[in-house]
C-alpha atoms as a PDB file:
ATOM      1  CA  MET A   1      -9.628  -1.701  40.003  1.00  0.00           C
ATOM      2  CA  PRO A   2      -6.259  -3.305  40.827  1.00  0.00           C
ATOM      3  CA  GLU A   3      -3.162  -2.184  38.983  1.00  0.00           C
ATOM      4  CA  SER A   4      -2.116  -4.239  35.961  1.00  0.00           C
ATOM      5  CA  THR A   5       1.204  -6.070  35.906  1.00  0.00           C
ATOM      6  CA  ILE A   6       2.999  -7.716  32.994  1.00  0.00           C
ATOM      7  CA  ARG A   7       5.263 -10.716  33.386  1.00  0.00           C
ATOM      8  CA  PRO A   8       6.659 -13.554  31.243  1.00  0.00           C
ATOM      9  CA  LEU A   9       4.135 -16.168  30.128  1.00  0.00           C
ATOM     10  CA  THR A  10       4.810 -19.679  31.451  1.00  0.00           C
ATOM     11  CA  ALA A  11       3.386 -23.086  30.569  1.00  0.00           C
ATOM     12  CA  ALA A  12       1.255 -22.886  33.729  1.00  0.00           C
ATOM     13  CA  ASP A  13      -0.536 -19.858  32.210  1.00  0.00           C
ATOM     14  CA  LEU A  14      -1.678 -21.720  29.099  1.00  0.00           C
ATOM     15  CA  PRO A  15      -5.104 -22.868  30.384  1.00  0.00           C
ATOM     16  CA  ALA A  16      -6.073 -19.279  31.285  1.00  0.00           C
ATOM     17  CA  VAL A  17      -4.567 -17.921  28.050  1.00  0.00           C
ATOM     18  CA  LEU A  18      -6.455 -20.495  25.971  1.00  0.00           C
ATOM     19  CA  ALA A  19      -9.717 -19.631  27.746  1.00  0.00           C
ATOM     20  CA  ILE A  20      -9.293 -15.937  26.890  1.00  0.00           C
ATOM     21  CA  GLU A  21      -8.214 -16.812  23.342  1.00  0.00           C
ATOM     22  CA  ALA A  22     -11.427 -18.827  22.869  1.00  0.00           C
ATOM     23  CA  ARG A  23     -13.592 -15.965  24.199  1.00  0.00           C
ATOM     24  CA  ALA A  24     -11.827 -13.311  22.146  1.00  0.00           C
ATOM     25  CA  HIS A  25     -11.416 -14.918  18.717  1.00  0.00           C
ATOM     26  CA  SER A  26     -13.683 -16.756  16.291  1.00  0.00           C
ATOM     27  CA  PHE A  27     -10.627 -18.711  15.126  1.00  0.00           C
ATOM     28  CA  PRO A  28      -8.422 -19.027  18.225  1.00  0.00           C
ATOM     29  CA  TRP A  29      -4.835 -20.207  18.304  1.00  0.00           C
ATOM     30  CA  THR A  30      -4.531 -23.864  19.228  1.00  0.00           C
ATOM     31  CA  PRO A  31      -2.722 -25.096  22.336  1.00  0.00           C
ATOM     32  CA  GLY A  32       0.024 -26.379  20.027  1.00  0.00           C
ATOM     33  CA  ILE A  33       0.660 -22.927  18.569  1.00  0.00           C
ATOM     34  CA  PHE A  34       1.152 -21.448  22.036  1.00  0.00           C
ATOM     35  CA  GLU A  35       3.297 -24.403  23.164  1.00  0.00           C
ATOM     36  CA  ASP A  36       5.507 -24.136  20.050  1.00  0.00           C
ATOM     37  CA  ALA A  37       5.930 -20.380  20.532  1.00  0.00           C
ATOM     38  CA  LEU A  38       6.938 -20.976  24.151  1.00  0.00           C
ATOM     39  CA  LYS A  39       9.437 -23.694  23.194  1.00  0.00           C
ATOM     40  CA  THR A  40      10.876 -21.581  20.381  1.00  0.00           C
ATOM     41  CA  GLY A  41      11.580 -18.684  22.694  1.00  0.00           C
ATOM     42  CA  TYR A  42       9.215 -16.053  21.343  1.00  0.00           C
ATOM     43  CA  TYR A  43       8.746 -13.072  23.633  1.00  0.00           C
ATOM     44  CA  MET A  44       5.518 -13.974  25.443  1.00  0.00           C
ATOM     45  CA  VAL A  45       3.953 -12.063  28.305  1.00  0.00           C
ATOM     46  CA  VAL A  46       0.755 -12.074  30.310  1.00  0.00           C
ATOM     47  CA  MET A  47      -1.084  -9.163  31.861  1.00  0.00           C
ATOM     48  CA  GLU A  48      -2.630  -9.648  35.281  1.00  0.00           C
ATOM     49  CA  GLN A  49      -4.869  -7.676  37.619  1.00  0.00           C
ATOM     50  CA  GLY A  50      -4.738  -9.090  41.109  1.00  0.00           C
ATOM     51  CA  ASP A  51      -4.977 -12.862  40.740  1.00  0.00           C
ATOM     52  CA  SER A  52      -6.653 -12.689  37.313  1.00  0.00           C
ATOM     53  CA  LEU A  53      -4.872 -13.196  34.020  1.00  0.00           C
ATOM     54  CA  ILE A  54      -6.553 -10.692  31.695  1.00  0.00           C
ATOM     55  CA  GLY A  55      -4.421 -10.583  28.551  1.00  0.00           C
ATOM     56  CA  TYR A  56      -1.273 -11.663  26.745  1.00  0.00           C
ATOM     57  CA  GLY A  57       1.035 -10.795  23.898  1.00  0.00           C
ATOM     58  CA  VAL A  58       3.435 -12.638  21.617  1.00  0.00           C
ATOM     59  CA  VAL A  59       6.314 -11.121  19.615  1.00  0.00           C
ATOM     60  CA  GLN A  60       8.625 -13.047  17.318  1.00  0.00           C
ATOM     61  CA  VAL A  61      12.020 -11.553  16.446  1.00  0.00           C
ATOM     62  CA  ILE A  62      14.028 -12.728  13.446  1.00  0.00           C
ATOM     63  CA  LEU A  63      17.263 -10.834  12.828  1.00  0.00           C
ATOM     64  CA  ASP A  64      16.299  -7.137  12.797  1.00  0.00           C
ATOM     65  CA  GLU A  65      12.545  -7.577  12.260  1.00  0.00           C
ATOM     66  CA  GLY A  66       9.853  -8.200  14.807  1.00  0.00           C
ATOM     67  CA  HIS A  67       6.368  -9.534  14.290  1.00  0.00           C
ATOM     68  CA  LEU A  68       3.540  -8.887  16.739  1.00  0.00           C
ATOM     69  CA  LEU A  69       1.794 -12.240  16.419  1.00  0.00           C
ATOM     70  CA  ASN A  70      -0.887 -11.931  19.080  1.00  0.00           C
ATOM     71  CA  ILE A  71      -2.121  -9.307  21.491  1.00  0.00           C
ATOM     72  CA  THR A  72      -5.338 -10.101  23.291  1.00  0.00           C
ATOM     73  CA  ILE A  73      -7.231  -8.656  26.231  1.00  0.00           C
ATOM     74  CA  ASP A  74     -10.122 -10.613  27.720  1.00  0.00           C
ATOM     75  CA  PRO A  75     -13.269  -9.246  26.010  1.00  0.00           C
ATOM     76  CA  GLN A  76     -14.804  -8.658  29.460  1.00  0.00           C
ATOM     77  CA  ARG A  77     -12.042  -6.073  30.070  1.00  0.00           C
ATOM     78  CA  HIS A  78     -12.205  -4.167  26.758  1.00  0.00           C
ATOM     79  CA  GLY A  79     -12.489  -0.394  26.728  1.00  0.00           C
ATOM     80  CA  LYS A  80     -10.280   0.272  29.761  1.00  0.00           C
ATOM     81  CA  GLY A  81      -6.980   1.069  28.014  1.00  0.00           C
ATOM     82  CA  LEU A  82      -5.463  -2.312  28.849  1.00  0.00           C
ATOM     83  CA  GLY A  83      -4.694  -3.176  25.223  1.00  0.00           C
ATOM     84  CA  ARG A  84      -2.802   0.084  24.844  1.00  0.00           C
ATOM     85  CA  GLN A  85      -0.874  -0.593  28.058  1.00  0.00           C
ATOM     86  CA  LEU A  86       0.071  -4.089  26.849  1.00  0.00           C
ATOM     87  CA  LEU A  87       0.975  -2.750  23.395  1.00  0.00           C
ATOM     88  CA  HIS A  88       3.287  -0.164  24.996  1.00  0.00           C
ATOM     89  CA  HIS A  89       5.096  -2.952  26.842  1.00  0.00           C
ATOM     90  CA  LEU A  90       5.498  -4.957  23.626  1.00  0.00           C
ATOM     91  CA  LEU A  91       6.696  -1.871  21.734  1.00  0.00           C
ATOM     92  CA  ASP A  92       9.313  -1.191  24.427  1.00  0.00           C
ATOM     93  CA  TYR A  93      10.592  -4.733  23.961  1.00  0.00           C
ATOM     94  CA  ALA A  94      10.565  -4.443  20.163  1.00  0.00           C
ATOM     95  CA  ARG A  95      12.465  -1.132  20.182  1.00  0.00           C
ATOM     96  CA  THR A  96      15.392  -2.807  21.930  1.00  0.00           C
ATOM     97  CA  HIS A  97      15.388  -5.957  19.785  1.00  0.00           C
ATOM     98  CA  THR A  98      14.294  -4.947  16.265  1.00  0.00           C
ATOM     99  CA  ASP A  99      14.391  -2.181  13.671  1.00  0.00           C
ATOM    100  CA  THR A 100      10.801  -2.702  12.519  1.00  0.00           C
ATOM    101  CA  LEU A 101       7.719  -4.305  14.041  1.00  0.00           C
ATOM    102  CA  PHE A 102       5.099  -5.812  11.721  1.00  0.00           C
ATOM    103  CA  LEU A 103       1.586  -7.083  12.398  1.00  0.00           C
ATOM    104  CA  GLU A 104      -1.472  -8.317  10.556  1.00  0.00           C
ATOM    105  CA  VAL A 105      -4.982  -7.251  11.506  1.00  0.00           C
ATOM    106  CA  ARG A 106      -8.405  -7.984  10.104  1.00  0.00           C
ATOM    107  CA  PRO A 107      -9.905  -4.962   8.278  1.00  0.00           C
ATOM    108  CA  SER A 108     -13.089  -5.673  10.261  1.00  0.00           C
ATOM    109  CA  ASN A 109     -11.208  -5.133  13.555  1.00  0.00           C
ATOM    110  CA  THR A 110     -11.566  -1.361  13.506  1.00  0.00           C
ATOM    111  CA  PRO A 111     -10.812  -0.830  17.235  1.00  0.00           C
ATOM    112  CA  ALA A 112      -7.441  -2.589  16.833  1.00  0.00           C
ATOM    113  CA  ILE A 113      -6.618  -0.657  13.657  1.00  0.00           C
ATOM    114  CA  ALA A 114      -7.389   2.629  15.430  1.00  0.00           C
ATOM    115  CA  LEU A 115      -5.153   1.603  18.357  1.00  0.00           C
ATOM    116  CA  TYR A 116      -2.260   0.625  16.079  1.00  0.00           C
ATOM    117  CA  GLN A 117      -2.537   3.819  14.006  1.00  0.00           C
ATOM    118  CA  SER A 118      -2.681   5.985  17.132  1.00  0.00           C
ATOM    119  CA  GLU A 119       0.575   4.388  18.322  1.00  0.00           C
ATOM    120  CA  GLY A 120       2.392   5.017  15.028  1.00  0.00           C
ATOM    121  CA  PHE A 121       1.802   1.922  12.897  1.00  0.00           C
ATOM    122  CA  ASN A 122       1.270   2.503   9.190  1.00  0.00           C
ATOM    123  CA  GLU A 123      -0.488   0.314   6.665  1.00  0.00           C
ATOM    124  CA  VAL A 124       2.184  -1.133   4.349  1.00  0.00           C
ATOM    125  CA  GLY A 125       0.345  -3.863   2.480  1.00  0.00           C
ATOM    126  CA  LEU A 126      -2.547  -6.259   2.169  1.00  0.00           C
ATOM    127  CA  ARG A 127      -2.459 -10.028   2.523  1.00  0.00           C
ATOM    128  CA  ARG A 128      -5.362 -11.382   0.474  1.00  0.00           C
ATOM    129  CA  ASN A 129      -7.504 -14.174   1.936  1.00  0.00           C
ATOM    130  CA  TYR A 130      -5.270 -14.367   5.006  1.00  0.00           C
ATOM    131  CA  TYR A 131      -7.794 -15.134   7.755  1.00  0.00           C
ATOM    132  CA  PRO A 132     -10.634 -17.651   7.877  1.00  0.00           C
ATOM    133  CA  ALA A 133     -13.979 -15.855   8.001  1.00  0.00           C
ATOM    134  CA  VAL A 134     -17.096 -16.655  10.000  1.00  0.00           C
ATOM    135  CA  GLY A 135     -19.573 -18.400   7.721  1.00  0.00           C
ATOM    136  CA  GLY A 136     -16.847 -19.697   5.427  1.00  0.00           C
ATOM    137  CA  GLY A 137     -14.595 -17.920   3.012  1.00  0.00           C
ATOM    138  CA  ARG A 138     -11.594 -15.803   3.866  1.00  0.00           C
ATOM    139  CA  GLU A 139     -10.856 -12.266   5.071  1.00  0.00           C
ATOM    140  CA  ASP A 140      -7.898 -10.153   3.995  1.00  0.00           C
ATOM    141  CA  ALA A 141      -5.325  -8.884   6.465  1.00  0.00           C
ATOM    142  CA  LEU A 142      -3.936  -5.392   6.618  1.00  0.00           C
ATOM    143  CA  LEU A 143      -0.174  -5.519   7.015  1.00  0.00           C
ATOM    144  CA  MET A 144       0.998  -2.738   9.304  1.00  0.00           C
ATOM    145  CA  ALA A 145       4.484  -1.751  10.395  1.00  0.00           C
ATOM    146  CA  MET A 146       6.343   0.595  12.701  1.00  0.00           C
ATOM    147  CA  ALA A 147      10.000   1.467  12.175  1.00  0.00           C
ATOM    148  CA  PHE A 148      12.138   2.359  15.191  1.00  0.00           C
END
């Protein structure tokens, strides 16, 4: 398996990012959300193996707080430690630009929760009815944070 590299996300990456987003999420981000984040200057990176884009991450920083808005690995590549590798890169960035990094995660996303907890995130709150749910209705979000 080729080594993974992480580099800044560019507009040219958006078709591949959107394809992964659609495969990975029941309610994917729209092209406009990614385009706005790019224009606004959020910290956005892609992960590649060889010529293949396999994941991406988005961090927003406002004053001394960071927010991990999106971290996604292509579902075909799950279970290989790539999400942890990408999270480490995003945490390194956050440590130098923020005092605290926040994120929301679906309670049903137990693999992500386990990853975040193993890296030092703590549950700090609950956002009721935050996410749309498959079949209608809404799903809560766990609010997690890591202080640096």
